[in-house]
Amino acid sequence: MPKQINIAEIQVKTWLTEEEAARYAGMSARQIRSLRLEGTQIGTLPYSRISANVRIKRTELDKFFEQHAVKSA
């Protein structure tokens, strides 16, 4: 059974797993993986990899969403 991901713990961490990043962003891990690998027209979600361990910096996730904010007319 997968470990329950606590959002309060995520908010104080610097580096997140894909699952934690998904929980933080309110998305699926598959969507996070797609943003990381394929990205959008603006760019891809930055990440670090050591062996098979992928980590996403929480501040980079925040910045990525800020860059994709839709501006009102």
Protein backbone atom coordinates (compact mmCIF):
# COMPACT_ATOMS: atom_id res chain seq x y z
CA MET A 1 0.00 0.00 0.00
CA PRO A 2 1.47 3.41 -1.03
CA LYS A 3 2.47 5.86 1.69
CA GLN A 4 -0.09 8.59 2.25
CA ILE A 5 1.33 11.95 1.10
CA ASN A 6 0.75 14.73 3.61
CA ILE A 7 0.40 18.16 1.95
CA ALA A 8 1.72 19.93 5.10
CA GLU A 9 4.96 17.94 4.83
CA ILE A 10 5.24 18.73 1.13
CA GLN A 11 4.95 22.48 1.72
CA VAL A 12 8.17 22.52 3.77
CA LYS A 13 10.23 20.20 1.56
CA THR A 14 12.67 21.57 -1.02
CA TRP A 15 12.81 18.55 -3.35
CA LEU A 16 9.70 16.55 -4.25
CA THR A 17 9.13 13.17 -5.85
CA GLU A 18 6.82 13.11 -8.88
CA GLU A 19 4.02 11.84 -6.64
CA GLU A 20 4.58 14.64 -4.10
CA ALA A 21 4.77 17.23 -6.90
CA ALA A 22 1.51 15.90 -8.30
CA ARG A 23 -0.20 16.12 -4.91
CA TYR A 24 1.18 19.65 -4.38
CA ALA A 25 -0.04 20.79 -7.82
CA GLY A 26 -3.37 18.95 -7.70
CA MET A 27 -2.46 16.87 -10.75
CA SER A 28 -1.66 13.27 -11.51
CA ALA A 29 1.91 11.96 -11.44
CA ARG A 30 1.45 11.14 -15.13
CA GLN A 31 0.69 14.81 -15.90
CA ILE A 32 3.78 15.92 -13.95
CA ARG A 33 5.90 13.39 -15.85
CA SER A 34 4.50 14.71 -19.15
CA LEU A 35 5.32 18.32 -18.20
CA ARG A 36 8.80 17.20 -17.19
CA LEU A 37 9.52 15.24 -20.37
CA GLU A 38 7.40 16.91 -23.07
CA GLY A 39 6.60 20.30 -21.56
CA THR A 40 4.49 23.00 -23.16
CA GLN A 41 5.13 25.62 -25.83
CA ILE A 42 6.86 27.71 -23.16
CA GLY A 43 9.16 24.95 -21.89
CA THR A 44 9.56 21.88 -19.75
CA LEU A 45 9.35 21.47 -15.97
CA PRO A 46 12.93 21.45 -14.58
CA TYR A 47 13.97 18.38 -12.58
CA SER A 48 16.99 16.53 -11.24
CA ARG A 49 17.77 12.84 -11.61
CA ILE A 50 20.19 10.68 -9.65
CA SER A 51 20.02 7.11 -10.95
CA ALA A 52 16.31 6.34 -11.20
CA ASN A 53 15.34 8.94 -8.58
CA VAL A 54 13.61 11.98 -10.07
CA ARG A 55 13.18 15.07 -7.91
CA ILE A 56 11.45 18.36 -8.68
CA LYS A 57 12.30 21.49 -6.73
CA ARG A 58 9.11 22.89 -5.20
CA THR A 59 10.08 26.48 -6.05
CA GLU A 60 10.65 25.45 -9.70
CA LEU A 61 7.16 23.95 -9.76
CA ASP A 62 5.73 27.23 -8.43
CA LYS A 63 7.74 29.20 -11.01
CA PHE A 64 6.59 26.89 -13.84
CA PHE A 65 2.94 27.56 -12.97
CA GLU A 66 3.55 31.31 -12.66
CA GLN A 67 5.10 31.30 -16.17
CA HIS A 68 1.96 29.59 -17.47
CA ALA A 69 -0.52 31.94 -15.78
CA VAL A 70 -3.22 33.17 -18.11
CA LYS A 71 -3.32 36.96 -18.15
CA SER A 72 -6.74 38.63 -18.23
CA ALA A 73 -7.42 41.17 -20.95
